[in-house]
Amino acid sequence: RGDSAYIGWCDLHRGVDFLDNTVFLTVQIDVSSFDDGGLFSRLSSVPTCIYQNKDLIHQALLLLQENAGNDAAKVYMIRSVIFRILGILLRLENNSSDAHAAKYPDSLNLVRRTLLYISEECDKQITLDDLSREMAVTKNHVCRVFKRQTGQTIIQHIHEVRCLKALSLIQNGLSYTEACYSSGFNDYNYFSRVFKK
């Protein structure tokens, strides 16, 4: 459709539920080599979702084309396109209403720690009581912040992580039952319902 997304180097993000045959072009830019001292902080208020920005899409495709080249100008052309992309993003920054991340850095840190804990402990029994104790906050607070920042509940995320692990185990030859118990579920019928969903 021509939509874009800007994701900062430490921003939480996930991509699911894309249409079949969706084509992605991912451009990773190390802005430290372009930084004038204030670029990092200015880019933090660029909106995440950028809908139908033809100039940005054009520049991304131009970057792809220049990257395929093999002449002496390649490096300079790529740098010029990257500068253009950064300029477009900085212009969008003024129109961004999504400054939530800049306003709530403690919330982002809590969610990062929660995600890390879940990924490390997903094959064990995880309770909200254990999680809140580990994060040193109340259950209600961690649940509310996690939902606000990620768009899903903690339980939904745990199920997603466990199902992805189970899928990987099944693809590597384990039976459904073995994958169920190895990925942190302790009831095969429950696993089956969650996995199908």
N, C-alpha and C. Protein backbone atom coordinates (compact mmCIF):
# COMPACT_ATOMS: atom_id res chain seq x y z
N ARG A 1 0.81 -1.20 0.00
CA ARG A 1 0.00 0.00 0.00
C ARG A 1 0.85 1.25 0.00
N GLY A 2 2.10 1.12 0.29
CA GLY A 2 2.94 2.31 0.30
C GLY A 2 3.05 2.97 1.66
N ASP A 3 2.75 2.25 2.73
CA ASP A 3 2.89 2.80 4.07
C ASP A 3 4.32 2.58 4.56
N SER A 4 4.73 3.41 5.51
CA SER A 4 6.08 3.31 6.07
C SER A 4 5.98 3.29 7.58
N ALA A 5 7.03 2.86 8.20
CA ALA A 5 7.12 2.90 9.66
C ALA A 5 8.52 3.36 10.03
N TYR A 6 8.59 4.25 11.00
CA TYR A 6 9.88 4.67 11.55
C TYR A 6 9.99 4.07 12.94
N ILE A 7 11.05 3.31 13.17
CA ILE A 7 11.27 2.68 14.46
C ILE A 7 12.69 3.03 14.91
N GLY A 8 12.79 3.71 16.02
CA GLY A 8 14.09 4.07 16.57
C GLY A 8 14.85 2.85 17.05
N TRP A 9 16.12 2.98 17.27
CA TRP A 9 16.99 1.85 17.55
C TRP A 9 16.61 1.09 18.81
N CYS A 10 15.96 1.73 19.78
CA CYS A 10 15.61 1.00 21.00
C CYS A 10 14.10 1.00 21.24
N ASP A 11 13.33 1.32 20.23
CA ASP A 11 11.87 1.33 20.38
C ASP A 11 11.31 -0.07 20.31
N LEU A 12 10.29 -0.32 21.12
CA LEU A 12 9.59 -1.59 21.07
C LEU A 12 8.78 -1.65 19.80
N HIS A 13 8.80 -2.78 19.14
CA HIS A 13 7.98 -2.92 17.94
C HIS A 13 7.74 -4.39 17.64
N ARG A 14 6.70 -4.64 16.88
CA ARG A 14 6.39 -5.99 16.44
C ARG A 14 5.57 -5.88 15.17
N GLY A 15 5.72 -6.84 14.31
CA GLY A 15 4.95 -6.85 13.08
C GLY A 15 4.24 -8.17 12.91
N VAL A 16 2.94 -8.13 12.97
CA VAL A 16 2.14 -9.35 12.78
C VAL A 16 0.92 -9.00 11.96
N ASP A 17 0.22 -10.04 11.51
CA ASP A 17 -1.06 -9.88 10.81
C ASP A 17 -0.94 -9.09 9.51
N PHE A 18 0.13 -9.31 8.75
CA PHE A 18 0.24 -8.66 7.46
C PHE A 18 -0.49 -9.50 6.42
N LEU A 19 -0.94 -8.85 5.38
CA LEU A 19 -1.61 -9.55 4.30
C LEU A 19 -0.63 -10.46 3.57
N ASP A 20 -1.16 -11.53 2.98
CA ASP A 20 -0.30 -12.39 2.17
C ASP A 20 0.29 -11.57 1.04
N ASN A 21 1.47 -11.94 0.61
CA ASN A 21 2.18 -11.27 -0.49
C ASN A 21 2.60 -9.85 -0.16
N THR A 22 2.65 -9.51 1.12
CA THR A 22 3.14 -8.19 1.50
C THR A 22 4.65 -8.15 1.23
N VAL A 23 5.11 -7.09 0.59
CA VAL A 23 6.53 -6.92 0.28
C VAL A 23 7.09 -5.86 1.22
N PHE A 24 8.21 -6.18 1.87
CA PHE A 24 8.84 -5.28 2.81
C PHE A 24 10.17 -4.80 2.28
N LEU A 25 10.46 -3.57 2.52
CA LEU A 25 11.79 -3.03 2.29
C LEU A 25 12.22 -2.45 3.62
N THR A 26 13.23 -3.05 4.22
CA THR A 26 13.71 -2.58 5.52
C THR A 26 15.00 -1.81 5.30
N VAL A 27 15.02 -0.59 5.80
CA VAL A 27 16.20 0.25 5.69
C VAL A 27 16.68 0.54 7.11
N GLN A 28 17.89 0.07 7.44
CA GLN A 28 18.47 0.34 8.74
C GLN A 28 19.57 1.38 8.55
N ILE A 29 19.43 2.47 9.27
CA ILE A 29 20.38 3.58 9.12
C ILE A 29 21.05 3.82 10.46
N ASP A 30 22.37 3.79 10.47
CA ASP A 30 23.13 4.17 11.66
C ASP A 30 23.28 5.68 11.62
N VAL A 31 22.38 6.37 12.33
CA VAL A 31 22.39 7.83 12.23
C VAL A 31 23.55 8.47 12.98
N SER A 32 24.33 7.67 13.72
CA SER A 32 25.44 8.28 14.45
C SER A 32 26.46 8.92 13.51
N SER A 33 26.60 8.38 12.31
CA SER A 33 27.54 8.98 11.37
C SER A 33 26.96 10.23 10.70
N PHE A 34 25.66 10.47 10.89
CA PHE A 34 25.02 11.66 10.33
C PHE A 34 24.67 12.67 11.42
N ASP A 35 24.96 12.33 12.67
CA ASP A 35 24.47 13.11 13.79
C ASP A 35 25.18 14.45 13.90
N ASP A 36 24.37 15.48 14.09
CA ASP A 36 24.92 16.82 14.28
C ASP A 36 24.83 17.24 15.74
N GLY A 37 24.55 16.29 16.60
CA GLY A 37 24.44 16.59 18.02
C GLY A 37 23.01 16.56 18.54
N GLY A 38 22.04 16.74 17.67
CA GLY A 38 20.66 16.77 18.14
C GLY A 38 19.73 15.86 17.37
N LEU A 39 20.28 15.13 16.42
CA LEU A 39 19.44 14.30 15.54
C LEU A 39 18.72 13.20 16.29
N PHE A 40 19.42 12.51 17.21
CA PHE A 40 18.79 11.42 17.96
C PHE A 40 17.54 11.90 18.69
N SER A 41 17.67 13.01 19.41
CA SER A 41 16.53 13.48 20.20
C SER A 41 15.40 13.97 19.29
N ARG A 42 15.71 14.57 18.17
CA ARG A 42 14.66 15.06 17.26
C ARG A 42 13.92 13.90 16.62
N LEU A 43 14.63 12.82 16.27
CA LEU A 43 13.97 11.68 15.63
C LEU A 43 13.07 10.91 16.60
N SER A 44 13.25 11.12 17.91
CA SER A 44 12.42 10.39 18.87
C SER A 44 10.96 10.80 18.80
N SER A 45 10.66 11.96 18.20
CA SER A 45 9.26 12.37 18.12
C SER A 45 8.68 12.22 16.71
N VAL A 46 9.39 11.48 15.85
CA VAL A 46 8.84 11.15 14.52
C VAL A 46 7.74 10.11 14.72
N PRO A 47 6.61 10.24 14.04
CA PRO A 47 5.55 9.23 14.21
C PRO A 47 6.02 7.85 13.76
N THR A 48 5.52 6.82 14.41
CA THR A 48 5.89 5.46 14.04
C THR A 48 5.26 5.07 12.71
N CYS A 49 3.98 5.31 12.57
CA CYS A 49 3.27 4.94 11.34
C CYS A 49 3.19 6.15 10.41
N ILE A 50 3.66 5.97 9.20
CA ILE A 50 3.66 7.03 8.20
C ILE A 50 2.89 6.51 7.00
N TYR A 51 1.69 7.05 6.82
CA TYR A 51 0.80 6.53 5.80
C TYR A 51 0.94 7.28 4.48
N GLN A 52 1.16 6.52 3.41
CA GLN A 52 1.09 7.02 2.05
C GLN A 52 1.97 8.26 1.79
N ASN A 53 3.18 8.28 2.33
CA ASN A 53 4.10 9.38 2.06
C ASN A 53 4.91 8.99 0.82
N LYS A 54 4.48 9.52 -0.33
CA LYS A 54 5.07 9.12 -1.61
C LYS A 54 6.54 9.50 -1.71
N ASP A 55 6.91 10.63 -1.12
CA ASP A 55 8.31 11.06 -1.18
C ASP A 55 9.20 10.08 -0.40
N LEU A 56 8.74 9.65 0.77
CA LEU A 56 9.51 8.71 1.57
C LEU A 56 9.64 7.36 0.85
N ILE A 57 8.56 6.88 0.26
CA ILE A 57 8.60 5.62 -0.48
C ILE A 57 9.54 5.74 -1.68
N HIS A 58 9.45 6.86 -2.37
CA HIS A 58 10.33 7.08 -3.53
C HIS A 58 11.80 7.03 -3.11
N GLN A 59 12.13 7.68 -1.99
CA GLN A 59 13.51 7.69 -1.53
C GLN A 59 13.98 6.29 -1.12
N ALA A 60 13.09 5.52 -0.48
CA ALA A 60 13.46 4.15 -0.08
C ALA A 60 13.74 3.29 -1.31
N LEU A 61 12.91 3.43 -2.33
CA LEU A 61 13.14 2.66 -3.56
C LEU A 61 14.40 3.13 -4.28
N LEU A 62 14.65 4.43 -4.24
CA LEU A 62 15.88 4.97 -4.83
C LEU A 62 17.11 4.44 -4.08
N LEU A 63 16.99 4.33 -2.77
CA LEU A 63 18.08 3.76 -1.97
C LEU A 63 18.35 2.32 -2.38
N LEU A 64 17.30 1.56 -2.60
CA LEU A 64 17.45 0.17 -3.05
C LEU A 64 18.16 0.12 -4.41
N GLN A 65 17.76 1.00 -5.31
CA GLN A 65 18.36 1.06 -6.65
C GLN A 65 19.84 1.45 -6.57
N GLU A 66 20.15 2.46 -5.78
CA GLU A 66 21.54 2.91 -5.65
C GLU A 66 22.41 1.83 -5.00
N ASN A 67 21.85 1.09 -4.06
CA ASN A 67 22.59 0.03 -3.39
C ASN A 67 22.97 -1.09 -4.36
N ALA A 68 22.14 -1.29 -5.39
CA ALA A 68 22.42 -2.33 -6.38
C ALA A 68 23.50 -1.90 -7.37
N GLY A 69 23.78 -0.61 -7.42
CA GLY A 69 24.79 -0.09 -8.35
C GLY A 69 26.19 -0.54 -7.98
N ASN A 70 27.13 -0.32 -8.91
CA ASN A 70 28.49 -0.75 -8.66
C ASN A 70 29.49 0.22 -9.28
N ASP A 71 29.22 1.50 -9.07
CA ASP A 71 30.14 2.49 -9.63
C ASP A 71 30.76 3.32 -8.50
N ALA A 72 31.65 4.21 -8.88
CA ALA A 72 32.37 5.00 -7.88
C ALA A 72 31.46 5.95 -7.12
N ALA A 73 30.31 6.30 -7.67
CA ALA A 73 29.40 7.24 -7.04
C ALA A 73 28.45 6.58 -6.04
N LYS A 74 28.45 5.26 -5.99
CA LYS A 74 27.47 4.52 -5.18
C LYS A 74 27.40 5.03 -3.74
N VAL A 75 28.51 5.10 -3.05
CA VAL A 75 28.53 5.50 -1.64
C VAL A 75 27.97 6.91 -1.47
N TYR A 76 28.34 7.81 -2.35
CA TYR A 76 27.87 9.19 -2.23
C TYR A 76 26.38 9.31 -2.55
N MET A 77 25.91 8.54 -3.51
CA MET A 77 24.49 8.57 -3.85
C MET A 77 23.66 8.00 -2.69
N ILE A 78 24.16 6.93 -2.09
CA ILE A 78 23.44 6.34 -0.95
C ILE A 78 23.38 7.34 0.21
N ARG A 79 24.50 7.99 0.48
CA ARG A 79 24.50 8.99 1.57
C ARG A 79 23.54 10.13 1.28
N SER A 80 23.46 10.56 0.03
CA SER A 80 22.55 11.66 -0.29
C SER A 80 21.09 11.24 -0.11
N VAL A 81 20.77 10.01 -0.47
CA VAL A 81 19.40 9.52 -0.30
C VAL A 81 19.08 9.40 1.20
N ILE A 82 20.05 8.92 1.98
CA ILE A 82 19.83 8.80 3.42
C ILE A 82 19.59 10.18 4.03
N PHE A 83 20.37 11.19 3.61
CA PHE A 83 20.13 12.55 4.10
C PHE A 83 18.72 13.01 3.74
N ARG A 84 18.27 12.67 2.55
CA ARG A 84 16.91 13.05 2.13
C ARG A 84 15.86 12.36 3.01
N ILE A 85 16.06 11.06 3.30
CA ILE A 85 15.14 10.33 4.17
C ILE A 85 15.11 10.96 5.55
N LEU A 86 16.27 11.27 6.11
CA LEU A 86 16.32 11.91 7.43
C LEU A 86 15.62 13.26 7.41
N GLY A 87 15.79 14.01 6.34
CA GLY A 87 15.11 15.30 6.22
C GLY A 87 13.59 15.14 6.19
N ILE A 88 13.10 14.15 5.46
CA ILE A 88 11.66 13.90 5.40
C ILE A 88 11.15 13.52 6.79
N LEU A 89 11.88 12.66 7.48
CA LEU A 89 11.47 12.26 8.83
C LEU A 89 11.45 13.44 9.79
N LEU A 90 12.44 14.32 9.68
CA LEU A 90 12.48 15.49 10.56
C LEU A 90 11.32 16.44 10.28
N ARG A 91 10.89 16.54 9.03
CA ARG A 91 9.71 17.36 8.73
C ARG A 91 8.45 16.74 9.32
N LEU A 92 8.40 15.43 9.34
CA LEU A 92 7.24 14.75 9.93
C LEU A 92 7.22 14.92 11.44
N GLU A 93 8.39 15.09 12.02
CA GLU A 93 8.52 15.21 13.47
C GLU A 93 7.66 16.34 14.02
N ASN A 94 7.53 17.41 13.30
CA ASN A 94 6.75 18.55 13.78
C ASN A 94 5.25 18.24 13.86
N ASN A 95 4.79 17.28 13.07
CA ASN A 95 3.37 16.96 13.03
C ASN A 95 3.03 15.75 13.89
N SER A 96 3.98 15.26 14.66
CA SER A 96 3.76 14.02 15.41
C SER A 96 3.01 14.29 16.71
N SER A 97 1.96 13.50 16.91
CA SER A 97 1.26 13.54 18.19
C SER A 97 1.64 12.33 19.03
N ASP A 98 2.55 11.50 18.50
CA ASP A 98 2.93 10.28 19.20
C ASP A 98 4.23 10.52 19.98
N ALA A 99 4.15 11.37 20.98
CA ALA A 99 5.33 11.66 21.78
C ALA A 99 5.31 10.87 23.07
N HIS A 100 4.51 9.83 23.10
CA HIS A 100 4.33 9.04 24.32
C HIS A 100 5.66 8.47 24.81
N ALA A 101 6.45 7.95 23.89
CA ALA A 101 7.71 7.33 24.30
C ALA A 101 8.64 8.35 24.97
N ALA A 102 8.66 9.57 24.43
CA ALA A 102 9.53 10.59 25.01
C ALA A 102 9.02 11.01 26.39
N LYS A 103 7.71 10.99 26.59
CA LYS A 103 7.13 11.43 27.86
C LYS A 103 7.23 10.38 28.94
N TYR A 104 7.28 9.10 28.57
CA TYR A 104 7.21 8.02 29.55
C TYR A 104 8.38 7.03 29.42
N PRO A 105 9.62 7.50 29.59
CA PRO A 105 10.76 6.58 29.45
C PRO A 105 10.75 5.46 30.49
N ASP A 106 10.23 5.73 31.71
CA ASP A 106 10.18 4.68 32.72
C ASP A 106 9.24 3.56 32.30
N SER A 107 8.14 3.92 31.63
CA SER A 107 7.20 2.91 31.14
C SER A 107 7.88 2.02 30.10
N LEU A 108 8.63 2.63 29.19
CA LEU A 108 9.33 1.85 28.17
C LEU A 108 10.35 0.92 28.80
N ASN A 109 11.05 1.41 29.80
CA ASN A 109 12.03 0.58 30.49
C ASN A 109 11.35 -0.61 31.17
N LEU A 110 10.20 -0.36 31.80
CA LEU A 110 9.45 -1.44 32.45
C LEU A 110 9.02 -2.49 31.43
N VAL A 111 8.54 -2.04 30.27
CA VAL A 111 8.10 -2.98 29.25
C VAL A 111 9.28 -3.77 28.69
N ARG A 112 10.40 -3.13 28.47
CA ARG A 112 11.59 -3.84 27.99
C ARG A 112 12.01 -4.92 28.98
N ARG A 113 12.03 -4.58 30.26
CA ARG A 113 12.40 -5.56 31.28
C ARG A 113 11.40 -6.71 31.33
N THR A 114 10.12 -6.38 31.16
CA THR A 114 9.08 -7.41 31.15
C THR A 114 9.25 -8.33 29.96
N LEU A 115 9.49 -7.77 28.78
CA LEU A 115 9.70 -8.58 27.58
C LEU A 115 10.90 -9.51 27.74
N LEU A 116 11.97 -8.98 28.29
CA LEU A 116 13.17 -9.78 28.51
C LEU A 116 12.89 -10.92 29.49
N TYR A 117 12.20 -10.60 30.57
CA TYR A 117 11.86 -11.62 31.56
C TYR A 117 11.01 -12.73 30.93
N ILE A 118 10.01 -12.35 30.16
CA ILE A 118 9.14 -13.33 29.52
C ILE A 118 9.93 -14.19 28.55
N SER A 119 10.80 -13.58 27.75
CA SER A 119 11.56 -14.37 26.77
C SER A 119 12.51 -15.34 27.46
N GLU A 120 13.07 -14.96 28.60
CA GLU A 120 13.99 -15.84 29.31
C GLU A 120 13.28 -16.94 30.10
N GLU A 121 12.06 -16.65 30.55
CA GLU A 121 11.35 -17.58 31.44
C GLU A 121 10.14 -18.24 30.77
N CYS A 122 9.98 -18.10 29.46
CA CYS A 122 8.74 -18.54 28.80
C CYS A 122 8.49 -20.04 28.93
N ASP A 123 9.52 -20.83 29.08
CA ASP A 123 9.30 -22.28 29.18
C ASP A 123 9.02 -22.71 30.62
N LYS A 124 9.00 -21.75 31.56
CA LYS A 124 8.67 -22.03 32.95
C LYS A 124 7.29 -21.45 33.25
N GLN A 125 6.79 -21.74 34.42
CA GLN A 125 5.51 -21.19 34.85
C GLN A 125 5.71 -19.71 35.19
N ILE A 126 4.97 -18.83 34.53
CA ILE A 126 5.07 -17.39 34.80
C ILE A 126 3.72 -16.93 35.35
N THR A 127 3.74 -16.34 36.53
CA THR A 127 2.51 -15.76 37.07
C THR A 127 2.67 -14.25 37.12
N LEU A 128 1.55 -13.56 37.13
CA LEU A 128 1.61 -12.10 37.23
C LEU A 128 2.19 -11.67 38.57
N ASP A 129 1.97 -12.47 39.62
CA ASP A 129 2.57 -12.16 40.92
C ASP A 129 4.09 -12.22 40.84
N ASP A 130 4.62 -13.29 40.21
CA ASP A 130 6.07 -13.40 40.06
C ASP A 130 6.63 -12.25 39.23
N LEU A 131 5.93 -11.95 38.16
CA LEU A 131 6.38 -10.89 37.25
C LEU A 131 6.39 -9.54 37.96
N SER A 132 5.32 -9.23 38.69
CA SER A 132 5.26 -7.94 39.37
C SER A 132 6.32 -7.84 40.47
N ARG A 133 6.59 -8.97 41.15
CA ARG A 133 7.67 -8.99 42.15
C ARG A 133 9.02 -8.73 41.49
N GLU A 134 9.25 -9.40 40.36
CA GLU A 134 10.52 -9.23 39.63
C GLU A 134 10.71 -7.79 39.15
N MET A 135 9.61 -7.16 38.73
CA MET A 135 9.68 -5.79 38.22
C MET A 135 9.58 -4.75 39.33
N ALA A 136 9.22 -5.18 40.55
CA ALA A 136 9.09 -4.31 41.72
C ALA A 136 8.00 -3.25 41.53
N VAL A 137 6.89 -3.67 40.91
CA VAL A 137 5.71 -2.81 40.75
C VAL A 137 4.47 -3.68 40.99
N THR A 138 3.32 -3.03 41.09
CA THR A 138 2.10 -3.80 41.29
C THR A 138 1.69 -4.50 40.01
N LYS A 139 0.87 -5.55 40.16
CA LYS A 139 0.36 -6.29 38.99
C LYS A 139 -0.42 -5.35 38.07
N ASN A 140 -1.30 -4.55 38.68
CA ASN A 140 -2.12 -3.65 37.87
C ASN A 140 -1.27 -2.68 37.06
N HIS A 141 -0.22 -2.17 37.67
CA HIS A 141 0.63 -1.20 36.97
C HIS A 141 1.35 -1.84 35.79
N VAL A 142 1.99 -2.99 36.03
CA VAL A 142 2.74 -3.62 34.94
C VAL A 142 1.78 -4.04 33.81
N CYS A 143 0.59 -4.53 34.16
CA CYS A 143 -0.38 -4.94 33.14
C CYS A 143 -0.85 -3.74 32.32
N ARG A 144 -1.16 -2.65 33.01
CA ARG A 144 -1.65 -1.44 32.33
C ARG A 144 -0.59 -0.85 31.40
N VAL A 145 0.64 -0.73 31.90
CA VAL A 145 1.73 -0.15 31.11
C VAL A 145 2.05 -1.04 29.91
N PHE A 146 2.10 -2.35 30.13
CA PHE A 146 2.42 -3.27 29.05
C PHE A 146 1.38 -3.19 27.94
N LYS A 147 0.11 -3.18 28.31
CA LYS A 147 -0.98 -3.10 27.32
C LYS A 147 -0.91 -1.78 26.56
N ARG A 148 -0.66 -0.68 27.27
CA ARG A 148 -0.60 0.63 26.63
C ARG A 148 0.56 0.71 25.63
N GLN A 149 1.70 0.13 25.99
CA GLN A 149 2.89 0.24 25.14
C GLN A 149 2.92 -0.76 23.98
N THR A 150 2.35 -1.96 24.19
CA THR A 150 2.48 -3.01 23.17
C THR A 150 1.18 -3.32 22.44
N GLY A 151 0.04 -2.92 23.02
CA GLY A 151 -1.23 -3.22 22.39
C GLY A 151 -1.75 -4.61 22.68
N GLN A 152 -1.08 -5.36 23.53
CA GLN A 152 -1.54 -6.69 23.90
C GLN A 152 -1.33 -6.90 25.39
N THR A 153 -2.10 -7.84 25.95
CA THR A 153 -1.93 -8.13 27.37
C THR A 153 -0.66 -8.97 27.57
N ILE A 154 -0.23 -9.04 28.82
CA ILE A 154 0.93 -9.85 29.14
C ILE A 154 0.66 -11.32 28.82
N ILE A 155 -0.54 -11.78 29.15
CA ILE A 155 -0.89 -13.18 28.88
C ILE A 155 -0.88 -13.45 27.36
N GLN A 156 -1.43 -12.53 26.57
CA GLN A 156 -1.40 -12.70 25.11
C GLN A 156 0.03 -12.80 24.62
N HIS A 157 0.90 -11.96 25.16
CA HIS A 157 2.30 -11.98 24.72
C HIS A 157 2.98 -13.30 25.13
N ILE A 158 2.73 -13.75 26.35
CA ILE A 158 3.30 -15.03 26.79
C ILE A 158 2.83 -16.15 25.86
N HIS A 159 1.55 -16.16 25.54
CA HIS A 159 1.03 -17.19 24.63
C HIS A 159 1.70 -17.11 23.26
N GLU A 160 1.87 -15.89 22.75
CA GLU A 160 2.50 -15.72 21.45
C GLU A 160 3.93 -16.25 21.46
N VAL A 161 4.70 -15.90 22.49
CA VAL A 161 6.09 -16.35 22.59
C VAL A 161 6.15 -17.87 22.69
N ARG A 162 5.28 -18.44 23.52
CA ARG A 162 5.27 -19.90 23.69
C ARG A 162 4.84 -20.61 22.41
N CYS A 163 3.85 -20.07 21.72
CA CYS A 163 3.39 -20.70 20.48
C CYS A 163 4.46 -20.64 19.40
N LEU A 164 5.18 -19.52 19.32
CA LEU A 164 6.27 -19.43 18.35
C LEU A 164 7.38 -20.42 18.68
N LYS A 165 7.65 -20.58 19.97
CA LYS A 165 8.66 -21.57 20.36
C LYS A 165 8.17 -22.98 20.03
N ALA A 166 6.89 -23.27 20.31
CA ALA A 166 6.33 -24.60 20.00
C ALA A 166 6.38 -24.86 18.50
N LEU A 167 6.05 -23.85 17.70
CA LEU A 167 6.09 -24.01 16.24
C LEU A 167 7.50 -24.35 15.78
N SER A 168 8.48 -23.67 16.33
CA SER A 168 9.87 -23.95 15.97
C SER A 168 10.25 -25.39 16.35
N LEU A 169 9.81 -25.83 17.53
CA LEU A 169 10.12 -27.20 17.98
C LEU A 169 9.44 -28.24 17.09
N ILE A 170 8.19 -27.95 16.69
CA ILE A 170 7.46 -28.87 15.81
C ILE A 170 8.14 -28.95 14.45
N GLN A 171 8.56 -27.81 13.93
CA GLN A 171 9.25 -27.78 12.63
C GLN A 171 10.59 -28.52 12.70
N ASN A 172 11.15 -28.65 13.90
CA ASN A 172 12.41 -29.36 14.07
C ASN A 172 12.22 -30.81 14.49
N GLY A 173 10.97 -31.31 14.35
CA GLY A 173 10.74 -32.73 14.52
C GLY A 173 10.10 -33.19 15.81
N LEU A 174 9.87 -32.31 16.78
CA LEU A 174 9.22 -32.73 18.01
C LEU A 174 7.73 -32.96 17.77
N SER A 175 7.15 -33.84 18.54
CA SER A 175 5.70 -34.06 18.45
C SER A 175 4.98 -32.86 19.06
N TYR A 176 3.70 -32.75 18.78
CA TYR A 176 2.91 -31.66 19.34
C TYR A 176 2.91 -31.71 20.87
N THR A 177 2.83 -32.89 21.41
CA THR A 177 2.82 -33.05 22.87
C THR A 177 4.15 -32.60 23.47
N GLU A 178 5.25 -33.05 22.88
CA GLU A 178 6.57 -32.64 23.37
C GLU A 178 6.76 -31.13 23.25
N ALA A 179 6.31 -30.57 22.13
CA ALA A 179 6.44 -29.12 21.93
C ALA A 179 5.60 -28.35 22.94
N CYS A 180 4.42 -28.90 23.26
CA CYS A 180 3.55 -28.26 24.24
C CYS A 180 4.27 -28.08 25.56
N TYR A 181 4.81 -29.15 26.10
CA TYR A 181 5.43 -29.09 27.42
C TYR A 181 6.80 -28.42 27.41
N SER A 182 7.50 -28.50 26.29
CA SER A 182 8.82 -27.86 26.19
C SER A 182 8.72 -26.35 26.02
N SER A 183 7.57 -25.85 25.60
CA SER A 183 7.43 -24.41 25.37
C SER A 183 6.75 -23.70 26.54
N GLY A 184 6.46 -24.43 27.62
CA GLY A 184 5.95 -23.77 28.82
C GLY A 184 4.49 -24.02 29.13
N PHE A 185 3.75 -24.67 28.24
CA PHE A 185 2.36 -25.01 28.54
C PHE A 185 2.35 -26.26 29.42
N ASN A 186 1.38 -26.35 30.33
CA ASN A 186 1.31 -27.55 31.18
C ASN A 186 0.00 -28.31 30.99
N ASP A 187 -0.77 -27.95 29.96
CA ASP A 187 -2.03 -28.63 29.65
C ASP A 187 -2.14 -28.71 28.13
N TYR A 188 -2.14 -29.91 27.59
CA TYR A 188 -2.15 -30.08 26.13
C TYR A 188 -3.42 -29.52 25.49
N ASN A 189 -4.58 -29.72 26.12
CA ASN A 189 -5.83 -29.21 25.55
C ASN A 189 -5.83 -27.69 25.48
N TYR A 190 -5.32 -27.07 26.53
CA TYR A 190 -5.22 -25.60 26.55
C TYR A 190 -4.23 -25.13 25.47
N PHE A 191 -3.09 -25.80 25.39
CA PHE A 191 -2.11 -25.50 24.36
C PHE A 191 -2.73 -25.59 22.96
N SER A 192 -3.49 -26.65 22.73
CA SER A 192 -4.11 -26.85 21.43
C SER A 192 -5.04 -25.71 21.05
N ARG A 193 -5.85 -25.25 22.03
CA ARG A 193 -6.77 -24.14 21.76
C ARG A 193 -6.01 -22.86 21.47
N VAL A 194 -5.00 -22.56 22.29
CA VAL A 194 -4.22 -21.33 22.11
C VAL A 194 -3.46 -21.38 20.80
N PHE A 195 -2.86 -22.53 20.49
CA PHE A 195 -2.04 -22.67 19.28
C PHE A 195 -2.90 -22.49 18.03
N LYS A 196 -4.09 -23.08 18.01
CA LYS A 196 -4.99 -22.94 16.86
C LYS A 196 -5.43 -21.49 16.69
N LYS A 197 -5.72 -20.84 17.82
CA LYS A 197 -6.16 -19.44 17.76
C LYS A 197 -5.06 -18.54 17.21
